[in-house]
Amino acid sequence: MAGGRIVAGLLAKRSKKILEKIDAIEALDARGRHKLRTAVNKLRYACEFFACLFTPPNRWPRRKRSRTTLKSL
């Protein structure tokens, strides 16, 4: 499925951006922290939107944990 690969690439790109920023979180100013929060929210919204493409019903507890983790960030 080509669409699945595109979405997976999008989610990976957003995750990578967050991980790069989290490594330097102590050095971030207010604007940098805001950008980090925005990036986390974009990832969370994208995960929720595309969840039906990737998550079979028996994996929903894992999806719920992921959503909770992203919300807490």
PDB file of N, CA and C in Angstrom:
ATOM      1  N   MET A   1       0.839  -1.173   0.000  1.00  0.00           N
ATOM      2  CA  MET A   1       0.000   0.000   0.000  1.00  0.00           C
ATOM      3  C   MET A   1       0.887   1.241   0.000  1.00  0.00           C
ATOM      4  N   ALA A   2       0.844   2.008  -1.073  1.00  0.00           N
ATOM      5  CA  ALA A   2       1.687   3.193  -1.207  1.00  0.00           C
ATOM      6  C   ALA A   2       1.289   4.273  -0.215  1.00  0.00           C
ATOM      7  N   GLY A   3       0.002   4.423   0.042  1.00  0.00           N
ATOM      8  CA  GLY A   3      -0.468   5.429   0.992  1.00  0.00           C
ATOM      9  C   GLY A   3       0.065   5.181   2.387  1.00  0.00           C
ATOM     10  N   GLY A   4       0.139   3.912   2.778  1.00  0.00           N
ATOM     11  CA  GLY A   4       0.656   3.555   4.095  1.00  0.00           C
ATOM     12  C   GLY A   4       2.114   3.935   4.245  1.00  0.00           C
ATOM     13  N   ARG A   5       2.888   3.754   3.180  1.00  0.00           N
ATOM     14  CA  ARG A   5       4.306   4.131   3.223  1.00  0.00           C
ATOM     15  C   ARG A   5       4.461   5.641   3.334  1.00  0.00           C
ATOM     16  N   ILE A   6       3.605   6.374   2.658  1.00  0.00           N
ATOM     17  CA  ILE A   6       3.669   7.833   2.720  1.00  0.00           C
ATOM     18  C   ILE A   6       3.351   8.310   4.132  1.00  0.00           C
ATOM     19  N   VAL A   7       2.301   7.756   4.715  1.00  0.00           N
ATOM     20  CA  VAL A   7       1.908   8.136   6.070  1.00  0.00           C
ATOM     21  C   VAL A   7       2.982   7.733   7.076  1.00  0.00           C
ATOM     22  N   ALA A   8       3.525   6.534   6.926  1.00  0.00           N
ATOM     23  CA  ALA A   8       4.584   6.086   7.832  1.00  0.00           C
ATOM     24  C   ALA A   8       5.794   7.024   7.739  1.00  0.00           C
ATOM     25  N   GLY A   9       6.126   7.471   6.539  1.00  0.00           N
ATOM     26  CA  GLY A   9       7.222   8.413   6.366  1.00  0.00           C
ATOM     27  C   GLY A   9       6.935   9.748   7.037  1.00  0.00           C
ATOM     28  N   LEU A  10       5.702  10.207   6.922  1.00  0.00           N
ATOM     29  CA  LEU A  10       5.307  11.455   7.566  1.00  0.00           C
ATOM     30  C   LEU A  10       5.426  11.356   9.077  1.00  0.00           C
ATOM     31  N   LEU A  11       4.925  10.265   9.639  1.00  0.00           N
ATOM     32  CA  LEU A  11       4.993  10.073  11.090  1.00  0.00           C
ATOM     33  C   LEU A  11       6.443   9.942  11.560  1.00  0.00           C
ATOM     34  N   ALA A  12       7.263   9.250  10.790  1.00  0.00           N
ATOM     35  CA  ALA A  12       8.682   9.106  11.141  1.00  0.00           C
ATOM     36  C   ALA A  12       9.386  10.452  11.110  1.00  0.00           C
ATOM     37  N   LYS A  13       9.063  11.274  10.116  1.00  0.00           N
ATOM     38  CA  LYS A  13       9.681  12.596   9.998  1.00  0.00           C
ATOM     39  C   LYS A  13       9.303  13.466  11.198  1.00  0.00           C
ATOM     40  N   ARG A  14       8.036  13.433  11.589  1.00  0.00           N
ATOM     41  CA  ARG A  14       7.588  14.220  12.735  1.00  0.00           C
ATOM     42  C   ARG A  14       8.240  13.711  14.026  1.00  0.00           C
ATOM     43  N   SER A  15       8.353  12.399  14.160  1.00  0.00           N
ATOM     44  CA  SER A  15       8.994  11.822  15.351  1.00  0.00           C
ATOM     45  C   SER A  15      10.454  12.226  15.439  1.00  0.00           C
ATOM     46  N   LYS A  16      11.141  12.175  14.322  1.00  0.00           N
ATOM     47  CA  LYS A  16      12.562  12.538  14.296  1.00  0.00           C
ATOM     48  C   LYS A  16      12.754  13.994  14.700  1.00  0.00           C
ATOM     49  N   LYS A  17      11.884  14.869  14.219  1.00  0.00           N
ATOM     50  CA  LYS A  17      11.983  16.289  14.559  1.00  0.00           C
ATOM     51  C   LYS A  17      11.822  16.496  16.065  1.00  0.00           C
ATOM     52  N   ILE A  18      10.890  15.771  16.667  1.00  0.00           N
ATOM     53  CA  ILE A  18      10.665  15.883  18.112  1.00  0.00           C
ATOM     54  C   ILE A  18      11.876  15.367  18.881  1.00  0.00           C
ATOM     55  N   LEU A  19      12.398  14.220  18.481  1.00  0.00           N
ATOM     56  CA  LEU A  19      13.542  13.647  19.178  1.00  0.00           C
ATOM     57  C   LEU A  19      14.764  14.558  19.120  1.00  0.00           C
ATOM     58  N   GLU A  20      14.959  15.223  17.995  1.00  0.00           N
ATOM     59  CA  GLU A  20      16.090  16.145  17.871  1.00  0.00           C
ATOM     60  C   GLU A  20      15.939  17.321  18.831  1.00  0.00           C
ATOM     61  N   LYS A  21      14.718  17.825  18.962  1.00  0.00           N
ATOM     62  CA  LYS A  21      14.482  18.969  19.841  1.00  0.00           C
ATOM     63  C   LYS A  21      14.527  18.570  21.310  1.00  0.00           C
ATOM     64  N   ILE A  22      14.057  17.380  21.644  1.00  0.00           N
ATOM     65  CA  ILE A  22      14.043  16.935  23.038  1.00  0.00           C
ATOM     66  C   ILE A  22      15.458  16.780  23.567  1.00  0.00           C
ATOM     67  N   ASP A  23      16.394  16.391  22.716  1.00  0.00           N
ATOM     68  CA  ASP A  23      17.781  16.236  23.151  1.00  0.00           C
ATOM     69  C   ASP A  23      18.341  17.535  23.724  1.00  0.00           C
ATOM     70  N   ALA A  24      17.859  18.664  23.235  1.00  0.00           N
ATOM     71  CA  ALA A  24      18.373  19.958  23.691  1.00  0.00           C
ATOM     72  C   ALA A  24      17.314  20.753  24.450  1.00  0.00           C
ATOM     73  N   ILE A  25      16.401  20.069  25.121  1.00  0.00           N
ATOM     74  CA  ILE A  25      15.261  20.746  25.752  1.00  0.00           C
ATOM     75  C   ILE A  25      15.699  21.739  26.821  1.00  0.00           C
ATOM     76  N   GLU A  26      16.761  21.446  27.536  1.00  0.00           N
ATOM     77  CA  GLU A  26      17.231  22.351  28.586  1.00  0.00           C
ATOM     78  C   GLU A  26      17.692  23.686  28.017  1.00  0.00           C
ATOM     79  N   ALA A  27      18.167  23.688  26.791  1.00  0.00           N
ATOM     80  CA  ALA A  27      18.688  24.908  26.186  1.00  0.00           C
ATOM     81  C   ALA A  27      17.619  25.690  25.424  1.00  0.00           C
ATOM     82  N   LEU A  28      16.405  25.164  25.325  1.00  0.00           N
ATOM     83  CA  LEU A  28      15.362  25.836  24.552  1.00  0.00           C
ATOM     84  C   LEU A  28      14.810  27.046  25.299  1.00  0.00           C
ATOM     85  N   ASP A  29      14.610  28.102  24.550  1.00  0.00           N
ATOM     86  CA  ASP A  29      13.947  29.271  25.121  1.00  0.00           C
ATOM     87  C   ASP A  29      12.432  29.072  24.981  1.00  0.00           C
ATOM     88  N   ALA A  30      11.657  30.081  25.338  1.00  0.00           N
ATOM     89  CA  ALA A  30      10.199  29.960  25.306  1.00  0.00           C
ATOM     90  C   ALA A  30       9.695  29.643  23.898  1.00  0.00           C
ATOM     91  N   ARG A  31      10.266  30.295  22.894  1.00  0.00           N
ATOM     92  CA  ARG A  31       9.842  30.041  21.521  1.00  0.00           C
ATOM     93  C   ARG A  31      10.187  28.613  21.098  1.00  0.00           C
ATOM     94  N   GLY A  32      11.359  28.141  21.474  1.00  0.00           N
ATOM     95  CA  GLY A  32      11.769  26.779  21.147  1.00  0.00           C
ATOM     96  C   GLY A  32      10.879  25.740  21.803  1.00  0.00           C
ATOM     97  N   ARG A  33      10.508  25.973  23.071  1.00  0.00           N
ATOM     98  CA  ARG A  33       9.596  25.049  23.754  1.00  0.00           C
ATOM     99  C   ARG A  33       8.218  25.062  23.102  1.00  0.00           C
ATOM    100  N   HIS A  34       7.790  26.240  22.659  1.00  0.00           N
ATOM    101  CA  HIS A  34       6.501  26.334  21.973  1.00  0.00           C
ATOM    102  C   HIS A  34       6.537  25.536  20.674  1.00  0.00           C
ATOM    103  N   LYS A  35       7.622  25.659  19.929  1.00  0.00           N
ATOM    104  CA  LYS A  35       7.753  24.897  18.685  1.00  0.00           C
ATOM    105  C   LYS A  35       7.766  23.393  18.961  1.00  0.00           C
ATOM    106  N   LEU A  36       8.393  23.006  20.049  1.00  0.00           N
ATOM    107  CA  LEU A  36       8.412  21.598  20.432  1.00  0.00           C
ATOM    108  C   LEU A  36       6.998  21.119  20.748  1.00  0.00           C
ATOM    109  N   ARG A  37       6.251  21.903  21.534  1.00  0.00           N
ATOM    110  CA  ARG A  37       4.862  21.533  21.847  1.00  0.00           C
ATOM    111  C   ARG A  37       4.031  21.426  20.573  1.00  0.00           C
ATOM    112  N   THR A  38       4.243  22.347  19.646  1.00  0.00           N
ATOM    113  CA  THR A  38       3.518  22.317  18.373  1.00  0.00           C
ATOM    114  C   THR A  38       3.860  21.051  17.592  1.00  0.00           C
ATOM    115  N   ALA A  39       5.122  20.687  17.567  1.00  0.00           N
ATOM    116  CA  ALA A  39       5.545  19.478  16.859  1.00  0.00           C
ATOM    117  C   ALA A  39       4.932  18.231  17.488  1.00  0.00           C
ATOM    118  N   VAL A  40       4.883  18.188  18.812  1.00  0.00           N
ATOM    119  CA  VAL A  40       4.282  17.042  19.507  1.00  0.00           C
ATOM    120  C   VAL A  40       2.796  16.958  19.179  1.00  0.00           C
ATOM    121  N   ASN A  41       2.117  18.092  19.194  1.00  0.00           N
ATOM    122  CA  ASN A  41       0.690  18.079  18.871  1.00  0.00           C
ATOM    123  C   ASN A  41       0.445  17.647  17.435  1.00  0.00           C
ATOM    124  N   LYS A  42       1.274  18.089  16.502  1.00  0.00           N
ATOM    125  CA  LYS A  42       1.121  17.666  15.107  1.00  0.00           C
ATOM    126  C   LYS A  42       1.270  16.153  14.984  1.00  0.00           C
ATOM    127  N   LEU A  43       2.244  15.595  15.702  1.00  0.00           N
ATOM    128  CA  LEU A  43       2.427  14.142  15.675  1.00  0.00           C
ATOM    129  C   LEU A  43       1.219  13.441  16.283  1.00  0.00           C
ATOM    130  N   ARG A  44       0.749  13.946  17.414  1.00  0.00           N
ATOM    131  CA  ARG A  44      -0.397  13.322  18.080  1.00  0.00           C
ATOM    132  C   ARG A  44      -1.634  13.347  17.181  1.00  0.00           C
ATOM    133  N   TYR A  45      -1.910  14.501  16.570  1.00  0.00           N
ATOM    134  CA  TYR A  45      -3.079  14.608  15.694  1.00  0.00           C
ATOM    135  C   TYR A  45      -2.943  13.696  14.483  1.00  0.00           C
ATOM    136  N   ALA A  46      -1.745  13.626  13.913  1.00  0.00           N
ATOM    137  CA  ALA A  46      -1.530  12.756  12.753  1.00  0.00           C
ATOM    138  C   ALA A  46      -1.706  11.293  13.146  1.00  0.00           C
ATOM    139  N   CYS A  47      -1.198  10.905  14.319  1.00  0.00           N
ATOM    140  CA  CYS A  47      -1.352   9.522  14.788  1.00  0.00           C
ATOM    141  C   CYS A  47      -2.819   9.176  14.974  1.00  0.00           C
ATOM    142  N   GLU A  48      -3.569  10.082  15.565  1.00  0.00           N
ATOM    143  CA  GLU A  48      -4.996   9.827  15.777  1.00  0.00           C
ATOM    144  C   GLU A  48      -5.742   9.748  14.446  1.00  0.00           C
ATOM    145  N   PHE A  49      -5.405  10.625  13.504  1.00  0.00           N
ATOM    146  CA  PHE A  49      -6.091  10.655  12.220  1.00  0.00           C
ATOM    147  C   PHE A  49      -5.841   9.386  11.407  1.00  0.00           C
ATOM    148  N   PHE A  50      -4.595   8.927  11.402  1.00  0.00           N
ATOM    149  CA  PHE A  50      -4.227   7.781  10.573  1.00  0.00           C
ATOM    150  C   PHE A  50      -4.237   6.449  11.321  1.00  0.00           C
ATOM    151  N   ALA A  51      -4.689   6.423  12.550  1.00  0.00           N
ATOM    152  CA  ALA A  51      -4.640   5.204  13.364  1.00  0.00           C
ATOM    153  C   ALA A  51      -5.379   4.040  12.719  1.00  0.00           C
ATOM    154  N   CYS A  52      -6.482   4.302  12.073  1.00  0.00           N
ATOM    155  CA  CYS A  52      -7.257   3.217  11.483  1.00  0.00           C
ATOM    156  C   CYS A  52      -6.498   2.509  10.362  1.00  0.00           C
ATOM    157  N   LEU A  53      -5.505   3.164   9.774  1.00  0.00           N
ATOM    158  CA  LEU A  53      -4.726   2.525   8.718  1.00  0.00           C
ATOM    159  C   LEU A  53      -3.744   1.499   9.263  1.00  0.00           C
ATOM    160  N   PHE A  54      -3.274   1.713  10.490  1.00  0.00           N
ATOM    161  CA  PHE A  54      -2.193   0.904  11.014  1.00  0.00           C
ATOM    162  C   PHE A  54      -2.564   0.012  12.187  1.00  0.00           C
ATOM    163  N   THR A  55      -3.564   0.386  12.946  1.00  0.00           N
ATOM    164  CA  THR A  55      -3.814  -0.282  14.211  1.00  0.00           C
ATOM    165  C   THR A  55      -5.025  -1.200  14.133  1.00  0.00           C
ATOM    166  N   PRO A  56      -4.818  -2.509  14.168  1.00  0.00           N
ATOM    167  CA  PRO A  56      -5.961  -3.406  14.262  1.00  0.00           C
ATOM    168  C   PRO A  56      -6.571  -3.299  15.660  1.00  0.00           C
ATOM    169  N   PRO A  57      -7.837  -3.633  15.816  1.00  0.00           N
ATOM    170  CA  PRO A  57      -8.506  -3.471  17.115  1.00  0.00           C
ATOM    171  C   PRO A  57      -7.781  -4.106  18.296  1.00  0.00           C
ATOM    172  N   ASN A  58      -7.075  -5.210  18.097  1.00  0.00           N
ATOM    173  CA  ASN A  58      -6.393  -5.846  19.227  1.00  0.00           C
ATOM    174  C   ASN A  58      -5.170  -5.059  19.694  1.00  0.00           C
ATOM    175  N   ARG A  59      -4.772  -4.003  18.984  1.00  0.00           N
ATOM    176  CA  ARG A  59      -3.631  -3.173  19.372  1.00  0.00           C
ATOM    177  C   ARG A  59      -4.072  -1.827  19.942  1.00  0.00           C
ATOM    178  N   TRP A  60      -5.370  -1.624  20.137  1.00  0.00           N
ATOM    179  CA  TRP A  60      -5.868  -0.345  20.619  1.00  0.00           C
ATOM    180  C   TRP A  60      -5.309   0.060  21.976  1.00  0.00           C
ATOM    181  N   PRO A  61      -5.090  -0.864  22.924  1.00  0.00           N
ATOM    182  CA  PRO A  61      -4.486  -0.429  24.197  1.00  0.00           C
ATOM    183  C   PRO A  61      -3.123   0.240  23.999  1.00  0.00           C
ATOM    184  N   ARG A  62      -2.335  -0.266  23.062  1.00  0.00           N
ATOM    185  CA  ARG A  62      -1.028   0.345  22.775  1.00  0.00           C
ATOM    186  C   ARG A  62      -1.220   1.742  22.197  1.00  0.00           C
ATOM    187  N   ARG A  63      -2.198   1.886  21.307  1.00  0.00           N
ATOM    188  CA  ARG A  63      -2.473   3.192  20.719  1.00  0.00           C
ATOM    189  C   ARG A  63      -2.906   4.182  21.799  1.00  0.00           C
ATOM    190  N   LYS A  64      -3.697   3.699  22.754  1.00  0.00           N
ATOM    191  CA  LYS A  64      -4.158   4.561  23.836  1.00  0.00           C
ATOM    192  C   LYS A  64      -2.973   5.022  24.692  1.00  0.00           C
ATOM    193  N   ARG A  65      -2.037   4.112  24.984  1.00  0.00           N
ATOM    194  CA  ARG A  65      -0.843   4.485  25.745  1.00  0.00           C
ATOM    195  C   ARG A  65      -0.023   5.530  24.996  1.00  0.00           C
ATOM    196  N   SER A  66       0.122   5.337  23.686  1.00  0.00           N
ATOM    197  CA  SER A  66       0.871   6.295  22.875  1.00  0.00           C
ATOM    198  C   SER A  66       0.212   7.670  22.908  1.00  0.00           C
ATOM    199  N   ARG A  67      -1.095   7.680  22.784  1.00  0.00           N
ATOM    200  CA  ARG A  67      -1.835   8.947  22.815  1.00  0.00           C
ATOM    201  C   ARG A  67      -1.651   9.635  24.164  1.00  0.00           C
ATOM    202  N   THR A  68      -1.716   8.866  25.248  1.00  0.00           N
ATOM    203  CA  THR A  68      -1.542   9.418  26.586  1.00  0.00           C
ATOM    204  C   THR A  68      -0.146  10.004  26.750  1.00  0.00           C
ATOM    205  N   THR A  69       0.853   9.307  26.244  1.00  0.00           N
ATOM    206  CA  THR A  69       2.236   9.793  26.334  1.00  0.00           C
ATOM    207  C   THR A  69       2.407  11.096  25.562  1.00  0.00           C
ATOM    208  N   LEU A  70       1.873  11.157  24.360  1.00  0.00           N
ATOM    209  CA  LEU A  70       1.999  12.378  23.568  1.00  0.00           C
ATOM    210  C   LEU A  70       1.255  13.546  24.217  1.00  0.00           C
ATOM    211  N   LYS A  71       0.098  13.270  24.809  1.00  0.00           N
ATOM    212  CA  LYS A  71      -0.635  14.324  25.497  1.00  0.00           C
ATOM    213  C   LYS A  71       0.163  14.870  26.664  1.00  0.00           C
ATOM    214  N   SER A  72       0.828  13.988  27.394  1.00  0.00           N
ATOM    215  CA  SER A  72       1.596  14.432  28.558  1.00  0.00           C
ATOM    216  C   SER A  72       2.814  15.266  28.157  1.00  0.00           C
ATOM    217  N   LEU A  73       3.357  15.006  26.973  1.00  0.00           N
ATOM    218  CA  LEU A  73       4.497  15.815  26.505  1.00  0.00           C
ATOM    219  C   LEU A  73       4.048  17.225  26.238  1.00  0.00           C
TER     220      LEU A  73
END
